Amino acid sequence: MSSTLKTADAAGAVRRPGRWLALGVLVLAVLLVAVDATVLGLATPYISEDLGPTGSQLLWIGDIYSFVIAGLLVSMGSLGDRIGRKRILLYGATAFGALSVLNAYATTPELMILARALLGVAGATLMPATLALIRNLFHDPRERSLAVGVWGATASAGTAVGPIVGGFLLEHFWWGSVFLINLPVMAVLVAVGAKLLPESRTPNPGPWDLAGVVLSLVGMVGVVYAVKEAATHGFGPLVPAAGLLGAGALYGFVRRQLTLPAPLLDMRLFRHRGFSGAVLADLLTILGLSGLVFFLSQYLQLVQGRRPLEAGLAELPAAIGAVAAGLVAGRAARRFSVRSVVAGGLAAVGLALAALTVIGQSTGYPLLGAALLVVGLGAGFSFTVTADVILSSVPGEQAGAASAVSETAYELGAALGIAVLGSVVTGVYRDFAGPAGTPAAAHESLGGAVEAASHLPAHTAEAMLDAARQSFVDGLALAAGVGAAVLLAASVAAWFLLRGQRLEGAAEHP
């Protein structure tokens, strides 16, 4: 049972009358990011058809946002601790809305990649600020668990709302309209948040380490770029150069943070086994899932011939499962144990991905829907509990930096997952044997094959599309198998690393 003795500040925070309304504003920011991430996957076939990106450019459009956001999350979380988490959240939301317009009206693959990168800069301000504000709004452990569950459930709801709304827009408007749905959410967030959100910052935080910001960004982008290039094109001369540059920058970042009196990130946080285990679980989970998530919309639309709205509805079970699990995850972790809930959730996701290794062009929806539901349930339990563990492991003044580490693991996992598992799909796909007359553009992406088919004789187009779709499905099945192995390994790691870890307010477990 949690102690009834609280500091004056903590007691005041627990009794803050507007804290649940303030949480409603915070989850709008989460909704903003979640919707943006999901509609990109749904719009990818249309972007591919309209802008004509190469396979490599298509992957960059998918993962440059994650590259940039992963490199800047720690820096932006620390900046929010210094200048105010409310301030950086509102500034970031405004920039996110404005840059969504640039994404919507991009006219070339290069401009689209640039727009996604700039959106990553704005996005890096949002997620750490929301979790840090939750940490400072809710000092009661059980209230905080519920608030984190609502936070996670909203992110999952965004993954459901995004495809459905995006699918409706894609059926009635051009692909850029899916990015413009960010604008009304941003407008409400800024207008209401300015009135309801309390400001919080770290007292006497010290100067912001600009050199550390540069090292963090160069290190993350360098390492992830090297992984992406190696997976896509093999070990060319740029791969070791980028990898060494990134690794050297990250090493310099860590050394610098250990010597600064007011670091961007207190590296001593990683000495806490629960904190490190939760971060690793998040990274591996997203890595294993990202390849499937990025290509699932293309499978539903370009292989099975579903309309965009129908494809969005088909992905709904994952969001439903995640929302349901997120709302009860804290209670389950207190009733049983942190490691059993996290490890069990990850194992369930791994087994669901393993079931998708038998996927084919004509796979029925019962198998796909059931697998997505299990993925959502497992991920909802795991992500909610690990977020609570991370927030509970640090004092309130370090909430921004700790939240940023959590989100960095998420975004780095997404970037690596799209790079590695996405490259598995692309690598298998490119080797399909089309009939004579198959254009080279058809081998770049499945969207390119569909576009090329419209300019070929009917017999040739049909044979080419059948071969292309089968090769794409083979790549997707292989990526699901790799993802399953990663998730099952993450489950085992979580079981050992989270041994003895408890949420605040939980009873002892043997």
Protein backbone atom coordinates (compact mmCIF):
# COMPACT_ATOMS: atom_id res chain seq x y z
CA MET A 1 0.00 0.00 0.00
CA SER A 2 1.38 3.41 -0.89
CA SER A 3 2.31 5.75 1.90
CA THR A 4 -0.20 8.36 3.05
CA LEU A 5 2.65 10.71 3.95
CA LYS A 6 3.24 13.06 1.02
CA THR A 7 5.12 16.29 0.58
CA ALA A 8 3.10 19.44 0.29
CA ASP A 9 3.91 19.68 -3.39
CA ALA A 10 2.97 16.08 -4.03
CA ALA A 11 -0.26 16.37 -2.10
CA GLY A 12 -1.14 19.52 -3.96
CA ALA A 13 -0.45 17.82 -7.25
CA VAL A 14 -2.63 14.83 -6.33
CA ARG A 15 -5.51 17.15 -5.47
CA ARG A 16 -5.01 19.42 -8.49
CA PRO A 17 -8.60 19.88 -9.69
CA GLY A 18 -7.85 20.15 -13.40
CA ARG A 19 -5.34 17.33 -13.76
CA TRP A 20 -7.66 15.01 -15.70
CA LEU A 21 -8.68 17.79 -18.08
CA ALA A 22 -4.99 18.58 -18.52
CA LEU A 23 -4.40 14.91 -19.35
CA GLY A 24 -7.04 15.24 -22.07
CA VAL A 25 -4.95 17.99 -23.66
CA LEU A 26 -1.77 15.92 -23.43
CA VAL A 27 -3.30 12.95 -25.16
CA LEU A 28 -4.22 15.19 -28.10
CA ALA A 29 -0.49 15.55 -28.74
CA VAL A 30 -0.13 11.77 -28.63
CA LEU A 31 -3.07 11.47 -31.02
CA LEU A 32 -1.37 13.94 -33.37
CA VAL A 33 1.79 11.84 -33.63
CA ALA A 34 -0.01 8.48 -33.81
CA VAL A 35 -2.36 9.56 -36.59
CA ASP A 36 0.53 10.99 -38.60
CA ALA A 37 2.49 7.75 -38.36
CA THR A 38 -0.41 5.54 -39.46
CA VAL A 39 -1.70 7.62 -42.35
CA LEU A 40 1.74 7.62 -43.94
CA GLY A 41 1.60 3.85 -44.35
CA LEU A 42 -1.90 4.05 -45.81
CA ALA A 43 -0.92 6.82 -48.23
CA THR A 44 2.32 5.14 -49.34
CA PRO A 45 0.83 3.48 -52.47
CA TYR A 46 -0.54 6.85 -53.61
CA ILE A 47 2.69 8.69 -52.83
CA SER A 48 4.58 6.01 -54.75
CA GLU A 49 2.29 6.38 -57.75
CA ASP A 50 2.26 10.18 -57.77
CA LEU A 51 5.86 11.09 -56.85
CA GLY A 52 7.54 8.04 -58.40
CA PRO A 53 10.18 7.42 -55.70
CA THR A 54 12.73 4.65 -56.04
CA GLY A 55 12.58 1.79 -53.54
CA SER A 56 15.34 3.42 -51.52
CA GLN A 57 13.59 6.81 -51.53
CA LEU A 58 10.36 5.13 -50.42
CA LEU A 59 12.16 3.68 -47.42
CA TRP A 60 13.66 7.09 -46.65
CA ILE A 61 10.18 8.65 -46.74
CA GLY A 62 9.11 6.00 -44.26
CA ASP A 63 12.02 6.21 -41.83
CA ILE A 64 13.65 9.68 -42.04
CA TYR A 65 11.09 10.96 -39.52
CA SER A 66 12.19 8.28 -37.08
CA PHE A 67 15.89 8.95 -37.77
CA VAL A 68 15.58 12.63 -36.89
CA ILE A 69 13.22 12.22 -33.98
CA ALA A 70 15.42 9.49 -32.46
CA GLY A 71 18.44 11.77 -32.71
CA LEU A 72 16.71 14.76 -31.10
CA LEU A 73 14.38 13.28 -28.47
CA VAL A 74 16.90 13.34 -25.63
CA SER A 75 17.95 16.88 -26.53
CA MET A 76 14.37 18.13 -26.75
CA GLY A 77 13.36 16.35 -23.54
CA SER A 78 16.24 18.06 -21.77
CA LEU A 79 15.34 21.39 -23.36
CA GLY A 80 11.78 21.04 -22.05
CA ASP A 81 13.16 20.36 -18.57
CA ARG A 82 14.99 23.68 -18.85
CA ILE A 83 12.65 26.12 -20.61
CA GLY A 84 9.35 24.55 -19.54
CA ARG A 85 7.55 21.43 -20.70
CA LYS A 86 4.30 23.26 -21.42
CA ARG A 87 6.11 25.85 -23.53
CA ILE A 88 8.02 23.37 -25.66
CA LEU A 89 4.88 21.24 -26.12
CA LEU A 90 2.85 24.18 -27.44
CA TYR A 91 5.67 25.45 -29.68
CA GLY A 92 6.26 21.94 -31.00
CA ALA A 93 2.57 21.35 -31.71
CA THR A 94 2.35 24.60 -33.67
CA ALA A 95 5.40 23.68 -35.75
CA PHE A 96 4.05 20.15 -36.26
CA GLY A 97 0.84 21.53 -37.74
CA ALA A 98 2.65 23.94 -40.05
CA LEU A 99 5.05 21.27 -41.30
CA SER A 100 2.16 18.89 -41.95
CA VAL A 101 1.10 21.34 -44.67
CA LEU A 102 4.55 21.05 -46.25
CA ASN A 103 4.19 17.24 -46.23
CA ALA A 104 0.76 17.50 -47.84
CA TYR A 105 1.99 19.61 -50.76
CA ALA A 106 5.35 17.94 -51.44
CA THR A 107 5.87 17.60 -55.20
CA THR A 108 9.03 15.46 -55.40
CA PRO A 109 10.44 12.52 -53.42
CA GLU A 110 13.31 14.73 -52.25
CA LEU A 111 10.95 17.40 -50.92
CA MET A 112 8.85 14.74 -49.21
CA ILE A 113 11.94 13.35 -47.48
CA LEU A 114 12.92 16.87 -46.35
CA ALA A 115 9.39 17.55 -45.09
CA ARG A 116 9.37 14.31 -43.08
CA ALA A 117 12.77 15.19 -41.58
CA LEU A 118 11.57 18.64 -40.47
CA LEU A 119 8.43 17.06 -39.04
CA GLY A 120 10.74 14.84 -36.98
CA VAL A 121 12.31 17.93 -35.43
CA ALA A 122 8.88 19.17 -34.34
CA GLY A 123 7.74 15.70 -33.28
CA ALA A 124 10.76 15.34 -30.98
CA THR A 125 9.31 18.06 -28.75
CA LEU A 126 5.94 16.39 -28.22
CA MET A 127 6.19 12.91 -26.75
CA PRO A 128 8.80 13.55 -23.98
CA ALA A 129 6.88 16.63 -22.88
CA THR A 130 3.59 14.72 -22.58
CA LEU A 131 5.03 11.92 -20.44
CA ALA A 132 7.05 14.35 -18.31
CA LEU A 133 3.95 16.45 -17.62
CA ILE A 134 2.05 13.30 -16.65
CA ARG A 135 4.86 12.49 -14.19
CA ASN A 136 4.48 15.93 -12.62
CA LEU A 137 0.67 16.04 -12.73
CA PHE A 138 0.09 12.64 -11.11
CA HIS A 139 2.14 11.89 -8.01
CA ASP A 140 -0.17 9.18 -6.74
CA PRO A 141 1.23 5.91 -8.22
CA ARG A 142 -2.13 4.37 -9.07
CA GLU A 143 -3.45 7.55 -10.64
CA ARG A 144 -0.25 7.83 -12.64
CA SER A 145 -0.57 4.24 -13.88
CA LEU A 146 -4.10 4.98 -15.07
CA ALA A 147 -2.93 8.23 -16.69
CA VAL A 148 -0.10 6.41 -18.49
CA GLY A 149 -2.63 3.78 -19.57
CA VAL A 150 -4.88 6.49 -21.02
CA TRP A 151 -1.81 8.01 -22.71
CA GLY A 152 -0.90 4.68 -24.29
CA ALA A 153 -4.50 3.87 -25.17
CA THR A 154 -4.81 7.18 -26.99
CA ALA A 155 -1.72 6.40 -29.04
CA SER A 156 -3.34 3.09 -29.96
CA ALA A 157 -6.65 4.78 -30.70
CA GLY A 158 -4.74 7.08 -33.03
CA THR A 159 -3.52 4.06 -34.94
CA ALA A 160 -7.18 3.14 -35.45
CA VAL A 161 -8.48 6.63 -36.19
CA GLY A 162 -5.64 7.37 -38.61
CA PRO A 163 -6.32 4.57 -41.11
CA ILE A 164 -10.10 5.02 -40.99
CA VAL A 165 -10.09 8.78 -41.45
CA GLY A 166 -7.16 8.53 -43.82
CA GLY A 167 -8.90 5.85 -45.83
CA PHE A 168 -12.00 8.01 -46.16
CA LEU A 169 -9.90 10.99 -47.29
CA LEU A 170 -7.92 8.91 -49.79
CA GLU A 171 -11.14 7.74 -51.40
CA HIS A 172 -12.40 11.31 -51.84
CA PHE A 173 -9.32 13.56 -52.02
CA TRP A 174 -5.64 13.48 -52.98
CA TRP A 175 -3.03 11.79 -50.74
CA GLY A 176 -1.84 15.06 -49.21
CA SER A 177 -5.17 15.47 -47.44
CA VAL A 178 -4.19 12.79 -44.90
CA PHE A 179 -1.56 15.10 -43.46
CA LEU A 180 -3.93 18.04 -43.16
CA ILE A 181 -6.02 16.22 -40.54
CA ASN A 182 -3.26 17.19 -38.11
CA LEU A 183 -4.32 20.84 -38.29
CA PRO A 184 -7.60 20.79 -36.30
CA VAL A 185 -6.04 18.56 -33.60
CA MET A 186 -3.08 20.95 -33.33
CA ALA A 187 -5.37 23.97 -33.13
CA VAL A 188 -7.41 22.50 -30.25
CA LEU A 189 -4.27 21.36 -28.44
CA VAL A 190 -2.64 24.80 -28.55
CA ALA A 191 -5.79 26.78 -27.71
CA VAL A 192 -6.90 24.59 -24.80
CA GLY A 193 -3.42 23.62 -23.60
CA ALA A 194 -2.42 27.26 -23.18
CA LYS A 195 -5.18 27.59 -20.55
CA LEU A 196 -5.24 24.18 -18.84
CA LEU A 197 -1.69 22.86 -18.74
CA PRO A 198 0.48 23.79 -15.76
CA GLU A 199 4.06 24.78 -16.49
CA SER A 200 6.83 22.64 -15.01
CA ARG A 201 10.59 22.77 -15.36
CA THR A 202 13.72 21.67 -13.55
CA PRO A 203 14.94 24.24 -10.99
CA ASN A 204 18.52 25.43 -11.64
CA PRO A 205 19.00 23.08 -14.62
CA GLY A 206 22.27 24.50 -15.91
CA PRO A 207 23.04 25.44 -19.53
CA TRP A 208 21.76 23.45 -22.49
CA ASP A 209 24.60 21.45 -24.02
CA LEU A 210 24.56 22.33 -27.73
CA ALA A 211 27.62 20.20 -28.47
CA GLY A 212 25.81 17.24 -26.91
CA VAL A 213 22.80 17.93 -29.13
CA VAL A 214 24.99 17.73 -32.24
CA LEU A 215 26.75 14.58 -31.05
CA SER A 216 23.43 12.89 -30.27
CA LEU A 217 21.94 13.73 -33.66
CA VAL A 218 25.04 12.77 -35.66
CA GLY A 219 25.44 9.57 -33.68
CA MET A 220 21.86 8.35 -34.08
CA VAL A 221 21.55 9.26 -37.75
CA GLY A 222 24.99 7.81 -38.57
CA VAL A 223 24.37 4.46 -36.93
CA VAL A 224 20.85 4.01 -38.30
CA TYR A 225 21.92 5.13 -41.78
CA ALA A 226 24.72 2.54 -41.76
CA VAL A 227 22.29 -0.22 -40.77
CA LYS A 228 19.82 0.88 -43.45
CA GLU A 229 22.39 1.04 -46.22
CA ALA A 230 23.94 -2.31 -45.26
CA ALA A 231 20.52 -3.97 -45.28
CA THR A 232 19.50 -2.36 -48.57
CA HIS A 233 22.66 -2.26 -50.69
CA GLY A 234 25.26 -4.31 -48.82
CA PHE A 235 28.53 -3.12 -47.32
CA GLY A 236 29.56 -0.33 -49.65
CA PRO A 237 32.20 2.27 -48.74
CA LEU A 238 29.66 4.59 -47.07
CA VAL A 239 28.43 1.96 -44.62
CA PRO A 240 31.55 1.61 -42.43
CA ALA A 241 32.23 5.35 -42.68
CA ALA A 242 28.71 6.26 -41.49
CA GLY A 243 28.74 3.54 -38.84
CA LEU A 244 32.10 4.61 -37.42
CA LEU A 245 31.09 8.29 -37.49
CA GLY A 246 27.84 7.50 -35.67
CA ALA A 247 29.45 5.19 -33.12
CA GLY A 248 32.21 7.72 -32.46
CA ALA A 249 29.69 10.52 -31.98
CA LEU A 250 27.60 8.43 -29.56
CA TYR A 251 30.73 7.49 -27.62
CA GLY A 252 31.65 11.16 -27.42
CA PHE A 253 28.11 11.99 -26.31
CA VAL A 254 28.22 9.46 -23.47
CA ARG A 255 31.68 10.58 -22.31
CA ARG A 256 30.61 14.21 -22.39
CA GLN A 257 27.42 13.57 -20.42
CA LEU A 258 29.37 11.74 -17.73
CA THR A 259 31.60 14.78 -17.16
CA LEU A 260 29.05 17.60 -17.28
CA PRO A 261 27.57 18.91 -14.00
CA ALA A 262 24.20 19.42 -15.77
CA PRO A 263 24.05 16.82 -18.59
CA LEU A 264 21.39 16.49 -21.25
CA LEU A 265 20.98 12.90 -20.06
CA ASP A 266 22.11 11.52 -16.73
CA MET A 267 23.77 8.26 -17.84
CA ARG A 268 23.51 6.93 -14.28
CA LEU A 269 19.84 6.22 -15.01
CA PHE A 270 20.97 3.12 -16.92
CA ARG A 271 22.44 1.63 -13.76
CA HIS A 272 18.84 0.97 -12.71
CA ARG A 273 18.13 -2.53 -14.06
CA GLY A 274 14.40 -1.92 -14.33
CA PHE A 275 14.92 1.28 -16.30
CA SER A 276 17.39 -0.37 -18.71
CA GLY A 277 15.22 -3.46 -19.10
CA ALA A 278 12.12 -1.40 -19.90
CA VAL A 279 14.00 0.67 -22.48
CA LEU A 280 15.45 -2.44 -24.16
CA ALA A 281 12.03 -4.11 -24.25
CA ASP A 282 10.53 -1.07 -25.99
CA LEU A 283 13.32 -0.91 -28.56
CA LEU A 284 13.16 -4.60 -29.50
CA THR A 285 9.37 -4.65 -29.61
CA ILE A 286 9.12 -1.79 -32.08
CA LEU A 287 12.03 -3.15 -34.11
CA GLY A 288 10.24 -6.47 -34.52
CA LEU A 289 6.89 -4.87 -35.39
CA SER A 290 7.89 -2.00 -37.66
CA GLY A 291 8.51 -3.93 -40.86
CA LEU A 292 5.07 -5.52 -40.68
CA VAL A 293 3.32 -2.27 -39.78
CA PHE A 294 4.97 -0.29 -42.58
CA PHE A 295 4.04 -2.79 -45.30
CA LEU A 296 0.68 -4.03 -44.03
CA SER A 297 -1.35 -1.29 -45.70
CA GLN A 298 0.36 -2.02 -49.01
CA TYR A 299 -0.47 -5.71 -48.60
CA LEU A 300 -4.13 -4.98 -47.89
CA GLN A 301 -4.51 -2.54 -50.79
CA LEU A 302 -2.10 -3.63 -53.50
CA VAL A 303 -2.16 -7.41 -52.94
CA GLN A 304 -5.68 -8.07 -51.67
CA GLY A 305 -7.29 -5.19 -53.55
CA ARG A 306 -9.01 -3.50 -50.60
CA ARG A 307 -10.05 0.13 -50.82
CA PRO A 308 -8.22 2.56 -48.45
CA LEU A 309 -11.12 2.82 -45.99
CA GLU A 310 -11.57 -0.94 -45.96
CA ALA A 311 -7.83 -1.38 -45.37
CA GLY A 312 -8.02 1.05 -42.45
CA LEU A 313 -10.91 -0.85 -40.90
CA ALA A 314 -9.03 -4.13 -41.38
CA GLU A 315 -6.25 -2.85 -39.11
CA LEU A 316 -8.69 -1.90 -36.33
CA PRO A 317 -8.30 -5.06 -34.15
CA ALA A 318 -4.71 -4.12 -33.26
CA ALA A 319 -5.82 -0.73 -31.93
CA ILE A 320 -8.80 -2.20 -30.07
CA GLY A 321 -6.54 -4.72 -28.34
CA ALA A 322 -3.96 -2.10 -27.42
CA VAL A 323 -6.57 0.29 -26.00
CA ALA A 324 -8.16 -2.44 -23.88
CA ALA A 325 -4.81 -3.71 -22.60
CA GLY A 326 -3.45 -0.23 -21.90
CA LEU A 327 -6.31 0.66 -19.58
CA VAL A 328 -5.84 -2.40 -17.35
CA ALA A 329 -2.07 -2.97 -17.68
CA GLY A 330 -1.12 -1.11 -14.49
CA ARG A 331 -3.63 -3.06 -12.42
CA ALA A 332 -2.42 -6.35 -13.97
CA ALA A 333 1.22 -5.52 -13.18
CA ARG A 334 0.33 -4.86 -9.54
CA ARG A 335 -1.84 -7.97 -9.31
CA PHE A 336 0.79 -10.27 -10.82
CA SER A 337 4.22 -8.75 -11.53
CA VAL A 338 5.87 -6.34 -13.93
CA ARG A 339 7.99 -8.97 -15.59
CA SER A 340 5.14 -11.44 -16.11
CA VAL A 341 2.95 -8.79 -17.78
CA VAL A 342 5.74 -7.39 -20.00
CA ALA A 343 7.31 -10.74 -20.91
CA GLY A 344 3.90 -12.32 -21.48
CA GLY A 345 2.79 -9.46 -23.69
CA LEU A 346 5.94 -9.66 -25.80
CA ALA A 347 5.64 -13.43 -26.15
CA ALA A 348 2.05 -13.05 -27.35
CA VAL A 349 3.14 -10.55 -30.00
CA GLY A 350 5.94 -12.87 -31.10
CA LEU A 351 3.58 -15.82 -31.50
CA ALA A 352 1.10 -13.68 -33.45
CA LEU A 353 3.86 -12.61 -35.84
CA ALA A 354 4.92 -16.25 -36.20
CA ALA A 355 1.37 -17.09 -37.29
CA LEU A 356 1.69 -14.51 -40.08
CA THR A 357 4.61 -16.36 -41.67
CA VAL A 358 2.00 -18.47 -43.52
CA ILE A 359 0.40 -15.39 -45.07
CA GLY A 360 -0.44 -15.57 -48.77
CA GLN A 361 -2.11 -13.45 -51.43
CA SER A 362 -5.53 -14.86 -50.60
CA THR A 363 -5.18 -15.28 -46.82
CA GLY A 364 -8.60 -14.89 -45.19
CA TYR A 365 -9.28 -12.07 -42.80
CA PRO A 366 -9.99 -14.28 -39.71
CA LEU A 367 -6.30 -15.22 -39.43
CA LEU A 368 -5.10 -11.69 -40.11
CA GLY A 369 -7.64 -10.05 -37.78
CA ALA A 370 -6.95 -12.50 -34.95
CA ALA A 371 -3.18 -11.99 -35.27
CA LEU A 372 -3.60 -8.20 -35.22
CA LEU A 373 -5.81 -8.39 -32.12
CA VAL A 374 -3.19 -10.44 -30.27
CA VAL A 375 -0.45 -8.03 -31.41
CA GLY A 376 -2.47 -5.12 -30.03
CA LEU A 377 -3.17 -6.80 -26.69
CA GLY A 378 0.43 -7.85 -26.15
CA ALA A 379 1.89 -4.51 -27.17
CA GLY A 380 -0.65 -2.60 -25.07
CA PHE A 381 0.28 -4.50 -21.91
CA SER A 382 4.01 -4.21 -22.55
CA PHE A 383 4.27 -0.56 -23.59
CA THR A 384 2.04 0.75 -20.81
CA VAL A 385 3.90 -1.05 -18.05
CA THR A 386 7.38 -0.20 -19.37
CA ALA A 387 6.40 3.49 -19.64
CA ASP A 388 5.24 3.40 -16.01
CA VAL A 389 8.46 1.67 -14.91
CA ILE A 390 10.58 4.30 -16.66
CA LEU A 391 8.67 7.22 -15.10
CA SER A 392 8.70 5.59 -11.66
CA SER A 393 12.46 5.05 -11.77
CA VAL A 394 13.42 8.74 -11.78
CA PRO A 395 12.69 11.83 -9.67
CA GLY A 396 10.25 14.34 -11.12
CA GLU A 397 12.94 16.82 -12.19
CA GLN A 398 14.42 14.19 -14.54
CA ALA A 399 11.06 13.20 -16.02
CA GLY A 400 11.73 14.89 -19.36
CA ALA A 401 15.07 13.17 -19.91
CA ALA A 402 13.72 9.79 -18.83
CA SER A 403 10.66 10.14 -21.05
CA ALA A 404 12.94 11.09 -23.92
CA VAL A 405 14.98 7.91 -23.44
CA SER A 406 11.75 5.89 -23.59
CA GLU A 407 10.65 7.61 -26.78
CA THR A 408 14.16 7.39 -28.27
CA ALA A 409 14.03 3.62 -27.85
CA TYR A 410 10.64 3.63 -29.57
CA GLU A 411 11.74 5.77 -32.51
CA LEU A 412 15.13 4.10 -32.88
CA GLY A 413 13.38 0.74 -32.93
CA ALA A 414 11.01 2.04 -35.60
CA ALA A 415 13.87 3.35 -37.73
CA LEU A 416 15.88 0.14 -37.41
CA GLY A 417 12.79 -2.01 -37.97
CA ILE A 418 11.81 -0.22 -41.16
CA ALA A 419 15.43 -0.22 -42.32
CA VAL A 420 16.17 -3.87 -41.60
CA LEU A 421 12.81 -5.63 -41.95
CA GLY A 422 11.68 -3.22 -44.66
CA SER A 423 14.85 -4.01 -46.54
CA VAL A 424 14.11 -7.73 -46.15
CA VAL A 425 10.78 -7.21 -47.88
CA THR A 426 12.31 -4.99 -50.56
CA GLY A 427 15.23 -7.35 -51.14
CA VAL A 428 12.98 -10.37 -51.67
CA TYR A 429 10.56 -8.35 -53.79
CA ARG A 430 13.18 -7.05 -56.23
CA ASP A 431 14.13 -10.57 -57.30
CA PHE A 432 10.72 -11.48 -58.74
CA ALA A 433 10.83 -12.95 -62.23
CA GLY A 434 8.38 -11.00 -64.34
CA PRO A 435 7.47 -11.78 -67.96
CA ALA A 436 9.39 -10.35 -70.90
CA GLY A 437 8.78 -6.63 -71.14
CA THR A 438 8.64 -6.00 -67.38
CA PRO A 439 9.99 -2.47 -66.86
CA ALA A 440 12.77 -1.80 -64.34
CA ALA A 441 10.49 0.52 -62.35
CA ALA A 442 8.30 -2.46 -61.45
CA HIS A 443 11.19 -3.94 -59.46
CA GLU A 444 11.58 -0.83 -57.29
CA SER A 445 8.32 -1.20 -55.35
CA LEU A 446 4.94 -2.90 -55.57
CA GLY A 447 3.35 0.52 -56.12
CA GLY A 448 5.70 0.99 -59.05
CA ALA A 449 4.61 -2.36 -60.48
CA VAL A 450 0.94 -1.41 -60.24
CA GLU A 451 1.65 1.88 -61.99
CA ALA A 452 3.74 0.17 -64.68
CA ALA A 453 1.01 -2.39 -65.29
CA SER A 454 -1.37 0.33 -66.48
CA HIS A 455 0.91 0.91 -69.49
CA LEU A 456 1.33 -2.75 -70.51
CA PRO A 457 -0.82 -5.15 -72.52
CA ALA A 458 -3.42 -6.89 -70.35
CA HIS A 459 -1.81 -10.36 -70.50
CA THR A 460 1.67 -9.06 -69.68
CA ALA A 461 0.35 -6.79 -66.92
CA GLU A 462 -1.55 -9.62 -65.25
CA ALA A 463 1.43 -11.98 -65.28
CA MET A 464 3.77 -9.27 -63.99
CA LEU A 465 1.45 -8.23 -61.16
CA ASP A 466 0.90 -11.82 -60.06
CA ALA A 467 4.66 -12.42 -59.86
CA ALA A 468 5.25 -9.07 -58.11
CA ARG A 469 2.50 -9.65 -55.55
CA GLN A 470 3.70 -13.15 -54.74
CA SER A 471 7.27 -11.92 -54.26
CA PHE A 472 6.03 -9.08 -52.02
CA VAL A 473 4.05 -11.55 -49.90
CA ASP A 474 7.09 -13.84 -49.63
CA GLY A 475 9.14 -10.91 -48.34
CA LEU A 476 6.41 -9.93 -45.88
CA ALA A 477 6.21 -13.48 -44.52
CA LEU A 478 9.99 -13.59 -44.06
CA ALA A 479 9.93 -10.21 -42.27
CA ALA A 480 7.16 -11.51 -39.97
CA GLY A 481 9.34 -14.50 -39.10
CA VAL A 482 12.33 -12.30 -38.28
CA GLY A 483 10.07 -10.03 -36.23
CA ALA A 484 8.70 -13.03 -34.32
CA ALA A 485 12.23 -14.13 -33.41
CA VAL A 486 13.07 -10.62 -32.18
CA LEU A 487 9.90 -10.40 -30.04
CA LEU A 488 10.42 -13.81 -28.45
CA ALA A 489 14.02 -12.88 -27.64
CA ALA A 490 12.77 -9.60 -26.14
CA SER A 491 10.33 -11.58 -23.98
CA VAL A 492 13.12 -13.70 -22.55
CA ALA A 493 15.30 -10.63 -21.93
CA ALA A 494 12.45 -8.81 -20.18
CA TRP A 495 11.80 -11.80 -17.92
CA PHE A 496 15.34 -11.63 -16.53
CA LEU A 497 15.98 -7.88 -16.63
CA LEU A 498 12.71 -6.96 -14.91
CA ARG A 499 13.08 -9.54 -12.13
CA GLY A 500 11.98 -8.00 -8.84
CA GLN A 501 10.74 -4.80 -10.51
CA ARG A 502 7.48 -3.43 -9.07
CA LEU A 503 5.29 -0.46 -9.80
CA GLU A 504 4.82 2.01 -6.98
CA GLY A 505 1.93 0.99 -4.76
CA ALA A 506 2.25 -2.70 -5.63
CA ALA A 507 2.43 -5.49 -3.08
CA GLU A 508 5.59 -7.56 -2.76
CA HIS A 509 5.91 -10.55 -5.08
CA PRO A 510 8.13 -13.53 -4.42
